[in-house]
Amino acid sequence: MAKITAADVNKLRKQTGAGMMDCKNALVEAEGNFELAIEVLRKKGQKVAAKRADRENTEGAVIAVVSDDKSRGALISLNCETDFVGKNDGFVKLAYDFANLALKSDAVDLEGFLASEFSTGMTVAEKLVEQTGVIGEKVEVKAYYQLNAPLVGAYIHAGNKIAVITALSANVEGADVAAKDVSMQAAAMNPVALNEDGVDQAVIEKEIEIAKDQLRQEGKPEAMLDKIAQGKLKRFFKDNTLVNQAFIKDSKKSVAEYVKSFDKDLTVTAYVRVGLGA
């Protein structure tokens, strides 16, 4: 039997993130062979993952990061089963590792990201299975987004429960401040879309119908319903689309007006907001 030292166990622990005893047992089973020990840990993860496949995992950490030149942003949601695990430093670090990988990834969707390489010989999906075995909870990347623009900003709400990335049309002076503020706005106010054009037609039709029902209950003539409902729809757009909302730091301005205070041609071109459990 190979002699397993504390240094060997610690090395495997740093490499995989698994617990000390799990690493020791894996090394014993693998007779000191590190590659086989990693395989042992992966197989354990597969067994745990199979047992917990139907578990709810609405806790975790939502992380947004931006490239050094601020031209690219990425956002991922790494989910687990309990708030205790979601707040763990090691789990949050893993979420940042995935987000930074997403920042450099060529994957166009979540499926492609899961198939991409996390480390030598291990995909993102395989890392998730491994960590499910290490943590003992269902661990899953539930959201993966990227934005590319002249200027991208990000904001992570306290506790890593909500994250936002926002794209602006130009990298002018102060645009990074504007992008972060707009990201904070989206986190706080949860708009349904960037602007009127982005609102789903089904949502628009539902709002018009709700407005008409309210007006009928108020006794308004049927001939007036369409015109009044359109006015209420404009109010809905003002309250629920990002660029038309009142800016939370200065309610006298809309978000669009706030952004233009940095440059008259500056606009918000896109945003992504993800909250845990959403």
C-alpha atoms as a PDB file:
ATOM      1  CA  MET A   1       0.000   0.000   0.000  1.00  0.00           C
ATOM      2  CA  ALA A   2       1.322   3.436  -0.975  1.00  0.00           C
ATOM      3  CA  LYS A   3       2.129   5.832   1.847  1.00  0.00           C
ATOM      4  CA  ILE A   4      -0.280   8.787   1.779  1.00  0.00           C
ATOM      5  CA  THR A   5       1.205  11.916   3.330  1.00  0.00           C
ATOM      6  CA  ALA A   6      -0.528  15.040   4.584  1.00  0.00           C
ATOM      7  CA  ALA A   7       1.179  16.954   1.773  1.00  0.00           C
ATOM      8  CA  ASP A   8      -0.363  14.580  -0.785  1.00  0.00           C
ATOM      9  CA  VAL A   9      -3.816  15.074   0.703  1.00  0.00           C
ATOM     10  CA  ASN A  10      -3.409  18.842   0.761  1.00  0.00           C
ATOM     11  CA  LYS A  11      -2.226  18.896  -2.843  1.00  0.00           C
ATOM     12  CA  LEU A  12      -5.300  16.948  -3.996  1.00  0.00           C
ATOM     13  CA  ARG A  13      -7.541  19.162  -1.889  1.00  0.00           C
ATOM     14  CA  LYS A  14      -6.171  22.313  -3.528  1.00  0.00           C
ATOM     15  CA  GLN A  15      -6.539  20.747  -6.956  1.00  0.00           C
ATOM     16  CA  THR A  16     -10.139  19.568  -6.531  1.00  0.00           C
ATOM     17  CA  GLY A  17     -11.681  21.501  -3.647  1.00  0.00           C
ATOM     18  CA  ALA A  18     -12.751  18.240  -2.001  1.00  0.00           C
ATOM     19  CA  GLY A  19     -12.678  17.719   1.776  1.00  0.00           C
ATOM     20  CA  MET A  20      -9.573  16.400   3.535  1.00  0.00           C
ATOM     21  CA  MET A  21     -11.039  12.993   4.358  1.00  0.00           C
ATOM     22  CA  ASP A  22     -12.513  12.580   0.872  1.00  0.00           C
ATOM     23  CA  CYS A  23      -9.085  13.343  -0.596  1.00  0.00           C
ATOM     24  CA  LYS A  24      -7.326  10.947   1.756  1.00  0.00           C
ATOM     25  CA  ASN A  25      -9.792   8.141   1.008  1.00  0.00           C
ATOM     26  CA  ALA A  26      -9.518   8.767  -2.737  1.00  0.00           C
ATOM     27  CA  LEU A  27      -5.722   8.613  -2.590  1.00  0.00           C
ATOM     28  CA  VAL A  28      -5.856   5.409  -0.545  1.00  0.00           C
ATOM     29  CA  GLU A  29      -8.247   3.831  -3.059  1.00  0.00           C
ATOM     30  CA  ALA A  30      -6.026   5.003  -5.927  1.00  0.00           C
ATOM     31  CA  GLU A  31      -2.884   3.783  -4.137  1.00  0.00           C
ATOM     32  CA  GLY A  32      -1.346   7.261  -4.250  1.00  0.00           C
ATOM     33  CA  ASN A  33      -2.000   7.902  -7.967  1.00  0.00           C
ATOM     34  CA  PHE A  34      -3.253  11.488  -8.282  1.00  0.00           C
ATOM     35  CA  GLU A  35      -5.013  11.049 -11.640  1.00  0.00           C
ATOM     36  CA  LEU A  36      -6.855   7.979 -10.382  1.00  0.00           C
ATOM     37  CA  ALA A  37      -7.713   9.772  -7.134  1.00  0.00           C
ATOM     38  CA  ILE A  38      -9.314  12.613  -9.122  1.00  0.00           C
ATOM     39  CA  GLU A  39     -11.284  10.005 -11.064  1.00  0.00           C
ATOM     40  CA  VAL A  40     -12.447   8.458  -7.776  1.00  0.00           C
ATOM     41  CA  LEU A  41     -13.710  11.854  -6.631  1.00  0.00           C
ATOM     42  CA  ARG A  42     -15.477  12.423  -9.962  1.00  0.00           C
ATOM     43  CA  LYS A  43     -17.247   9.070  -9.711  1.00  0.00           C
ATOM     44  CA  LYS A  44     -18.364   9.946  -6.209  1.00  0.00           C
ATOM     45  CA  GLY A  45     -19.737  13.196  -7.603  1.00  0.00           C
ATOM     46  CA  GLN A  46     -21.645  11.328 -10.309  1.00  0.00           C
ATOM     47  CA  LYS A  47     -23.301   9.115  -7.694  1.00  0.00           C
ATOM     48  CA  VAL A  48     -24.298  12.079  -5.552  1.00  0.00           C
ATOM     49  CA  ALA A  49     -25.509  14.013  -8.615  1.00  0.00           C
ATOM     50  CA  ALA A  50     -27.726  11.114  -9.675  1.00  0.00           C
ATOM     51  CA  LYS A  51     -29.279  10.937  -6.198  1.00  0.00           C
ATOM     52  CA  ARG A  52     -29.932  14.688  -6.047  1.00  0.00           C
ATOM     53  CA  ALA A  53     -30.977  15.283  -9.661  1.00  0.00           C
ATOM     54  CA  ASP A  54     -34.570  16.151  -8.728  1.00  0.00           C
ATOM     55  CA  ARG A  55     -33.660  18.486  -5.854  1.00  0.00           C
ATOM     56  CA  GLU A  56     -34.584  22.175  -5.909  1.00  0.00           C
ATOM     57  CA  ASN A  57     -31.508  24.418  -6.064  1.00  0.00           C
ATOM     58  CA  THR A  58     -32.607  28.028  -5.871  1.00  0.00           C
ATOM     59  CA  GLU A  59     -29.791  29.247  -3.605  1.00  0.00           C
ATOM     60  CA  GLY A  60     -26.235  30.077  -4.657  1.00  0.00           C
ATOM     61  CA  ALA A  61     -24.387  33.055  -6.128  1.00  0.00           C
ATOM     62  CA  VAL A  62     -25.010  35.236  -9.181  1.00  0.00           C
ATOM     63  CA  ILE A  63     -21.765  36.814 -10.381  1.00  0.00           C
ATOM     64  CA  ALA A  64     -21.078  39.468 -13.026  1.00  0.00           C
ATOM     65  CA  VAL A  65     -17.577  40.388 -14.228  1.00  0.00           C
ATOM     66  CA  VAL A  66     -16.165  42.792 -16.817  1.00  0.00           C
ATOM     67  CA  SER A  67     -12.992  42.576 -18.907  1.00  0.00           C
ATOM     68  CA  ASP A  68     -10.058  44.892 -18.164  1.00  0.00           C
ATOM     69  CA  ASP A  69     -10.833  47.051 -21.195  1.00  0.00           C
ATOM     70  CA  LYS A  70     -14.548  47.123 -20.211  1.00  0.00           C
ATOM     71  CA  SER A  71     -15.645  45.990 -23.642  1.00  0.00           C
ATOM     72  CA  ARG A  72     -17.036  42.638 -22.506  1.00  0.00           C
ATOM     73  CA  GLY A  73     -19.140  41.460 -19.595  1.00  0.00           C
ATOM     74  CA  ALA A  74     -20.220  38.022 -18.421  1.00  0.00           C
ATOM     75  CA  LEU A  75     -22.811  36.851 -15.916  1.00  0.00           C
ATOM     76  CA  ILE A  76     -23.382  33.397 -14.455  1.00  0.00           C
ATOM     77  CA  SER A  77     -25.679  31.974 -11.803  1.00  0.00           C
ATOM     78  CA  LEU A  78     -24.154  29.091  -9.840  1.00  0.00           C
ATOM     79  CA  ASN A  79     -26.936  27.406  -7.912  1.00  0.00           C
ATOM     80  CA  CYS A  80     -26.987  25.067  -4.917  1.00  0.00           C
ATOM     81  CA  GLU A  81     -29.621  23.818  -2.490  1.00  0.00           C
ATOM     82  CA  THR A  82     -28.988  25.805   0.701  1.00  0.00           C
ATOM     83  CA  ASP A  83     -28.173  29.384   1.626  1.00  0.00           C
ATOM     84  CA  PHE A  84     -25.423  28.089   3.929  1.00  0.00           C
ATOM     85  CA  VAL A  85     -23.504  26.610   0.988  1.00  0.00           C
ATOM     86  CA  GLY A  86     -24.296  29.594  -1.261  1.00  0.00           C
ATOM     87  CA  LYS A  87     -22.556  31.942   1.194  1.00  0.00           C
ATOM     88  CA  ASN A  88     -19.496  29.714   1.638  1.00  0.00           C
ATOM     89  CA  ASP A  89     -16.267  31.417   0.512  1.00  0.00           C
ATOM     90  CA  GLY A  90     -15.189  28.386  -1.502  1.00  0.00           C
ATOM     91  CA  PHE A  91     -18.521  28.251  -3.327  1.00  0.00           C
ATOM     92  CA  VAL A  92     -18.437  31.985  -4.126  1.00  0.00           C
ATOM     93  CA  LYS A  93     -14.859  31.622  -5.393  1.00  0.00           C
ATOM     94  CA  LEU A  94     -15.985  28.794  -7.672  1.00  0.00           C
ATOM     95  CA  ALA A  95     -18.771  31.049  -8.996  1.00  0.00           C
ATOM     96  CA  TYR A  96     -16.193  33.736  -9.782  1.00  0.00           C
ATOM     97  CA  ASP A  97     -13.989  31.118 -11.477  1.00  0.00           C
ATOM     98  CA  PHE A  98     -16.916  30.191 -13.733  1.00  0.00           C
ATOM     99  CA  ALA A  99     -17.749  33.851 -14.412  1.00  0.00           C
ATOM    100  CA  ASN A 100     -14.160  34.657 -15.378  1.00  0.00           C
ATOM    101  CA  LEU A 101     -14.134  31.612 -17.640  1.00  0.00           C
ATOM    102  CA  ALA A 102     -17.408  32.825 -19.194  1.00  0.00           C
ATOM    103  CA  LEU A 103     -15.766  36.202 -19.832  1.00  0.00           C
ATOM    104  CA  LYS A 104     -13.217  34.515 -22.118  1.00  0.00           C
ATOM    105  CA  SER A 105     -15.503  31.833 -23.521  1.00  0.00           C
ATOM    106  CA  ASP A 106     -16.513  31.527 -27.169  1.00  0.00           C
ATOM    107  CA  ALA A 107     -19.623  29.536 -26.196  1.00  0.00           C
ATOM    108  CA  VAL A 108     -22.801  31.102 -27.560  1.00  0.00           C
ATOM    109  CA  ASP A 109     -25.144  29.494 -25.021  1.00  0.00           C
ATOM    110  CA  LEU A 110     -25.239  27.657 -21.697  1.00  0.00           C
ATOM    111  CA  GLU A 111     -24.979  24.244 -23.341  1.00  0.00           C
ATOM    112  CA  GLY A 112     -21.789  25.283 -25.098  1.00  0.00           C
ATOM    113  CA  PHE A 113     -20.366  26.764 -21.915  1.00  0.00           C
ATOM    114  CA  LEU A 114     -20.988  23.527 -19.994  1.00  0.00           C
ATOM    115  CA  ALA A 115     -19.076  21.638 -22.688  1.00  0.00           C
ATOM    116  CA  SER A 116     -16.102  24.022 -22.571  1.00  0.00           C
ATOM    117  CA  GLU A 117     -12.869  23.243 -20.734  1.00  0.00           C
ATOM    118  CA  PHE A 118     -12.677  24.281 -17.084  1.00  0.00           C
ATOM    119  CA  SER A 119      -9.214  22.855 -16.505  1.00  0.00           C
ATOM    120  CA  THR A 120      -6.970  20.340 -18.218  1.00  0.00           C
ATOM    121  CA  GLY A 121      -9.025  17.235 -18.944  1.00  0.00           C
ATOM    122  CA  MET A 122     -12.175  18.554 -17.219  1.00  0.00           C
ATOM    123  CA  THR A 123     -15.196  20.355 -18.689  1.00  0.00           C
ATOM    124  CA  VAL A 124     -17.410  22.796 -16.815  1.00  0.00           C
ATOM    125  CA  ALA A 125     -20.117  20.122 -16.618  1.00  0.00           C
ATOM    126  CA  GLU A 126     -17.646  17.626 -15.131  1.00  0.00           C
ATOM    127  CA  LYS A 127     -16.474  20.203 -12.604  1.00  0.00           C
ATOM    128  CA  LEU A 128     -20.078  20.703 -11.512  1.00  0.00           C
ATOM    129  CA  VAL A 129     -20.503  16.953 -11.010  1.00  0.00           C
ATOM    130  CA  GLU A 130     -17.260  16.827  -9.037  1.00  0.00           C
ATOM    131  CA  GLN A 131     -18.389  19.701  -6.823  1.00  0.00           C
ATOM    132  CA  THR A 132     -21.766  18.058  -6.265  1.00  0.00           C
ATOM    133  CA  GLY A 133     -19.837  15.155  -4.745  1.00  0.00           C
ATOM    134  CA  VAL A 134     -17.586  17.462  -2.739  1.00  0.00           C
ATOM    135  CA  ILE A 135     -20.391  19.641  -1.374  1.00  0.00           C
ATOM    136  CA  GLY A 136     -23.119  17.028  -1.127  1.00  0.00           C
ATOM    137  CA  GLU A 137     -25.705  19.289  -2.808  1.00  0.00           C
ATOM    138  CA  LYS A 138     -26.928  19.685  -6.373  1.00  0.00           C
ATOM    139  CA  VAL A 139     -24.591  22.268  -7.963  1.00  0.00           C
ATOM    140  CA  GLU A 140     -25.580  23.722 -11.318  1.00  0.00           C
ATOM    141  CA  VAL A 141     -24.847  26.682 -13.584  1.00  0.00           C
ATOM    142  CA  LYS A 142     -28.356  27.917 -14.382  1.00  0.00           C
ATOM    143  CA  ALA A 143     -27.544  31.110 -16.264  1.00  0.00           C
ATOM    144  CA  TYR A 144     -24.778  32.123 -18.672  1.00  0.00           C
ATOM    145  CA  TYR A 145     -24.720  35.463 -20.489  1.00  0.00           C
ATOM    146  CA  GLN A 146     -22.231  37.686 -22.277  1.00  0.00           C
ATOM    147  CA  LEU A 147     -22.430  41.262 -23.531  1.00  0.00           C
ATOM    148  CA  ASN A 148     -20.015  42.933 -25.948  1.00  0.00           C
ATOM    149  CA  ALA A 149     -20.126  46.707 -26.421  1.00  0.00           C
ATOM    150  CA  PRO A 150     -17.956  49.830 -26.487  1.00  0.00           C
ATOM    151  CA  LEU A 151     -18.508  49.975 -22.701  1.00  0.00           C
ATOM    152  CA  VAL A 152     -19.883  47.313 -20.369  1.00  0.00           C
ATOM    153  CA  GLY A 153     -20.535  47.789 -16.653  1.00  0.00           C
ATOM    154  CA  ALA A 154     -21.648  45.413 -13.922  1.00  0.00           C
ATOM    155  CA  TYR A 155     -23.230  45.351 -10.490  1.00  0.00           C
ATOM    156  CA  ILE A 156     -23.639  42.557  -7.941  1.00  0.00           C
ATOM    157  CA  HIS A 157     -26.238  43.109  -5.245  1.00  0.00           C
ATOM    158  CA  ALA A 158     -25.233  42.400  -1.633  1.00  0.00           C
ATOM    159  CA  GLY A 159     -25.153  38.693  -0.903  1.00  0.00           C
ATOM    160  CA  ASN A 160     -24.694  37.740  -4.568  1.00  0.00           C
ATOM    161  CA  LYS A 161     -28.459  37.309  -4.982  1.00  0.00           C
ATOM    162  CA  ILE A 162     -28.834  39.556  -8.053  1.00  0.00           C
ATOM    163  CA  ALA A 163     -26.330  40.570 -10.738  1.00  0.00           C
ATOM    164  CA  VAL A 164     -26.577  42.819 -13.782  1.00  0.00           C
ATOM    165  CA  ILE A 165     -24.415  43.625 -16.796  1.00  0.00           C
ATOM    166  CA  THR A 166     -25.194  46.714 -18.878  1.00  0.00           C
ATOM    167  CA  ALA A 167     -23.930  47.815 -22.303  1.00  0.00           C
ATOM    168  CA  LEU A 168     -23.534  51.430 -23.408  1.00  0.00           C
ATOM    169  CA  SER A 169     -23.092  52.800 -26.913  1.00  0.00           C
ATOM    170  CA  ALA A 170     -19.735  54.520 -26.323  1.00  0.00           C
ATOM    171  CA  ASN A 171     -16.773  54.546 -23.952  1.00  0.00           C
ATOM    172  CA  VAL A 172     -16.873  58.258 -23.146  1.00  0.00           C
ATOM    173  CA  GLU A 173     -15.617  59.914 -19.975  1.00  0.00           C
ATOM    174  CA  GLY A 174     -17.704  58.739 -17.023  1.00  0.00           C
ATOM    175  CA  ALA A 175     -19.418  55.962 -18.990  1.00  0.00           C
ATOM    176  CA  ASP A 176     -18.161  53.342 -16.534  1.00  0.00           C
ATOM    177  CA  VAL A 177     -19.915  55.205 -13.706  1.00  0.00           C
ATOM    178  CA  ALA A 178     -23.093  55.473 -15.772  1.00  0.00           C
ATOM    179  CA  ALA A 179     -23.026  51.762 -16.642  1.00  0.00           C
ATOM    180  CA  LYS A 180     -22.666  50.754 -12.983  1.00  0.00           C
ATOM    181  CA  ASP A 181     -25.467  53.113 -11.933  1.00  0.00           C
ATOM    182  CA  VAL A 182     -27.771  51.768 -14.637  1.00  0.00           C
ATOM    183  CA  SER A 183     -26.904  48.218 -13.553  1.00  0.00           C
ATOM    184  CA  MET A 184     -27.842  49.153  -9.976  1.00  0.00           C
ATOM    185  CA  GLN A 185     -31.112  50.592 -11.307  1.00  0.00           C
ATOM    186  CA  ALA A 186     -31.938  47.337 -13.087  1.00  0.00           C
ATOM    187  CA  ALA A 187     -31.091  45.312  -9.973  1.00  0.00           C
ATOM    188  CA  ALA A 188     -33.336  47.445  -7.769  1.00  0.00           C
ATOM    189  CA  MET A 189     -36.279  48.092 -10.105  1.00  0.00           C
ATOM    190  CA  ASN A 190     -36.369  44.847 -12.154  1.00  0.00           C
ATOM    191  CA  PRO A 191     -37.644  46.320 -15.447  1.00  0.00           C
ATOM    192  CA  VAL A 192     -39.446  44.043 -17.896  1.00  0.00           C
ATOM    193  CA  ALA A 193     -37.401  45.247 -20.878  1.00  0.00           C
ATOM    194  CA  LEU A 194     -34.852  47.812 -22.047  1.00  0.00           C
ATOM    195  CA  ASN A 195     -37.467  49.992 -23.788  1.00  0.00           C
ATOM    196  CA  GLU A 196     -40.952  49.832 -25.326  1.00  0.00           C
ATOM    197  CA  ASP A 197     -39.721  47.848 -28.327  1.00  0.00           C
ATOM    198  CA  GLY A 198     -38.440  45.106 -26.047  1.00  0.00           C
ATOM    199  CA  VAL A 199     -41.749  44.458 -24.267  1.00  0.00           C
ATOM    200  CA  ASP A 200     -43.372  41.192 -25.326  1.00  0.00           C
ATOM    201  CA  GLN A 201     -46.604  41.684 -27.277  1.00  0.00           C
ATOM    202  CA  ALA A 202     -48.426  39.315 -24.933  1.00  0.00           C
ATOM    203  CA  VAL A 203     -47.482  41.564 -21.990  1.00  0.00           C
ATOM    204  CA  ILE A 204     -48.733  44.636 -23.854  1.00  0.00           C
ATOM    205  CA  GLU A 205     -52.063  42.984 -24.695  1.00  0.00           C
ATOM    206  CA  LYS A 206     -52.480  41.860 -21.088  1.00  0.00           C
ATOM    207  CA  GLU A 207     -51.820  45.369 -19.745  1.00  0.00           C
ATOM    208  CA  ILE A 208     -54.338  46.890 -22.186  1.00  0.00           C
ATOM    209  CA  GLU A 209     -56.961  44.348 -21.170  1.00  0.00           C
ATOM    210  CA  ILE A 210     -56.341  44.976 -17.455  1.00  0.00           C
ATOM    211  CA  ALA A 211     -56.655  48.724 -18.046  1.00  0.00           C
ATOM    212  CA  LYS A 212     -59.926  48.299 -19.941  1.00  0.00           C
ATOM    213  CA  ASP A 213     -61.395  46.086 -17.208  1.00  0.00           C
ATOM    214  CA  GLN A 214     -60.521  48.711 -14.593  1.00  0.00           C
ATOM    215  CA  LEU A 215     -62.069  51.464 -16.712  1.00  0.00           C
ATOM    216  CA  ARG A 216     -65.299  49.474 -17.217  1.00  0.00           C
ATOM    217  CA  GLN A 217     -65.545  48.988 -13.456  1.00  0.00           C
ATOM    218  CA  GLU A 218     -65.178  52.763 -13.107  1.00  0.00           C
ATOM    219  CA  GLY A 219     -68.109  53.221 -15.483  1.00  0.00           C
ATOM    220  CA  LYS A 220     -66.150  54.736 -18.390  1.00  0.00           C
ATOM    221  CA  PRO A 221     -67.914  54.627 -21.803  1.00  0.00           C
ATOM    222  CA  GLU A 222     -66.820  51.776 -24.061  1.00  0.00           C
ATOM    223  CA  ALA A 223     -65.937  54.243 -26.851  1.00  0.00           C
ATOM    224  CA  MET A 224     -63.299  55.868 -24.612  1.00  0.00           C
ATOM    225  CA  LEU A 225     -61.613  52.681 -23.406  1.00  0.00           C
ATOM    226  CA  ASP A 226     -59.021  52.310 -26.168  1.00  0.00           C
ATOM    227  CA  LYS A 227     -57.730  55.873 -25.869  1.00  0.00           C
ATOM    228  CA  ILE A 228     -57.522  55.828 -22.066  1.00  0.00           C
ATOM    229  CA  ALA A 229     -55.964  52.338 -22.069  1.00  0.00           C
ATOM    230  CA  GLN A 230     -53.232  53.552 -24.406  1.00  0.00           C
ATOM    231  CA  GLY A 231     -52.450  56.305 -21.913  1.00  0.00           C
ATOM    232  CA  LYS A 232     -52.188  53.749 -19.139  1.00  0.00           C
ATOM    233  CA  LEU A 233     -49.925  51.651 -21.368  1.00  0.00           C
ATOM    234  CA  LYS A 234     -47.547  54.613 -21.739  1.00  0.00           C
ATOM    235  CA  ARG A 235     -47.444  54.850 -17.959  1.00  0.00           C
ATOM    236  CA  PHE A 236     -46.657  51.131 -17.797  1.00  0.00           C
ATOM    237  CA  PHE A 237     -43.735  51.645 -20.197  1.00  0.00           C
ATOM    238  CA  LYS A 238     -42.476  54.566 -18.075  1.00  0.00           C
ATOM    239  CA  ASP A 239     -42.561  52.521 -14.880  1.00  0.00           C
ATOM    240  CA  ASN A 240     -41.356  49.191 -16.254  1.00  0.00           C
ATOM    241  CA  THR A 241     -38.826  49.740 -19.050  1.00  0.00           C
ATOM    242  CA  LEU A 242     -35.268  50.486 -17.995  1.00  0.00           C
ATOM    243  CA  VAL A 243     -34.451  53.600 -20.013  1.00  0.00           C
ATOM    244  CA  ASN A 244     -37.838  55.223 -19.281  1.00  0.00           C
ATOM    245  CA  GLN A 245     -37.854  54.610 -15.528  1.00  0.00           C
ATOM    246  CA  ALA A 246     -37.183  57.464 -13.128  1.00  0.00           C
ATOM    247  CA  PHE A 247     -33.511  57.276 -12.165  1.00  0.00           C
ATOM    248  CA  ILE A 248     -33.270  56.046  -8.557  1.00  0.00           C
ATOM    249  CA  LYS A 249     -30.556  58.580  -7.639  1.00  0.00           C
ATOM    250  CA  ASP A 250     -32.407  61.537  -9.167  1.00  0.00           C
ATOM    251  CA  SER A 251     -36.120  60.976  -9.790  1.00  0.00           C
ATOM    252  CA  LYS A 252     -36.361  64.179 -11.849  1.00  0.00           C
ATOM    253  CA  LYS A 253     -34.486  62.378 -14.649  1.00  0.00           C
ATOM    254  CA  SER A 254     -35.239  59.221 -16.571  1.00  0.00           C
ATOM    255  CA  VAL A 255     -32.460  56.665 -16.896  1.00  0.00           C
ATOM    256  CA  ALA A 256     -32.019  57.697 -20.541  1.00  0.00           C
ATOM    257  CA  GLU A 257     -31.672  61.352 -19.518  1.00  0.00           C
ATOM    258  CA  TYR A 258     -29.175  60.469 -16.798  1.00  0.00           C
ATOM    259  CA  VAL A 259     -27.001  58.579 -19.295  1.00  0.00           C
ATOM    260  CA  LYS A 260     -27.139  61.484 -21.745  1.00  0.00           C
ATOM    261  CA  SER A 261     -25.824  63.791 -19.021  1.00  0.00           C
ATOM    262  CA  PHE A 262     -22.412  62.210 -19.710  1.00  0.00           C
ATOM    263  CA  ASP A 263     -22.707  62.618 -23.487  1.00  0.00           C
ATOM    264  CA  LYS A 264     -25.694  63.699 -25.558  1.00  0.00           C
ATOM    265  CA  ASP A 265     -25.333  60.662 -27.849  1.00  0.00           C
ATOM    266  CA  LEU A 266     -24.756  58.063 -25.119  1.00  0.00           C
ATOM    267  CA  THR A 267     -27.428  55.356 -24.851  1.00  0.00           C
ATOM    268  CA  VAL A 268     -28.063  52.066 -23.069  1.00  0.00           C
ATOM    269  CA  THR A 269     -28.025  49.378 -25.736  1.00  0.00           C
ATOM    270  CA  ALA A 270     -28.603  46.210 -23.689  1.00  0.00           C
ATOM    271  CA  TYR A 271     -28.693  44.743 -20.202  1.00  0.00           C
ATOM    272  CA  VAL A 272     -28.987  41.360 -18.519  1.00  0.00           C
ATOM    273  CA  ARG A 273     -30.415  40.947 -15.012  1.00  0.00           C
ATOM    274  CA  VAL A 274     -30.471  37.601 -13.198  1.00  0.00           C
ATOM    275  CA  GLY A 275     -31.756  36.905  -9.712  1.00  0.00           C
ATOM    276  CA  LEU A 276     -31.494  33.659  -7.774  1.00  0.00           C
ATOM    277  CA  GLY A 277     -34.553  31.502  -8.300  1.00  0.00           C
ATOM    278  CA  ALA A 278     -35.728  33.621 -11.236  1.00  0.00           C
END
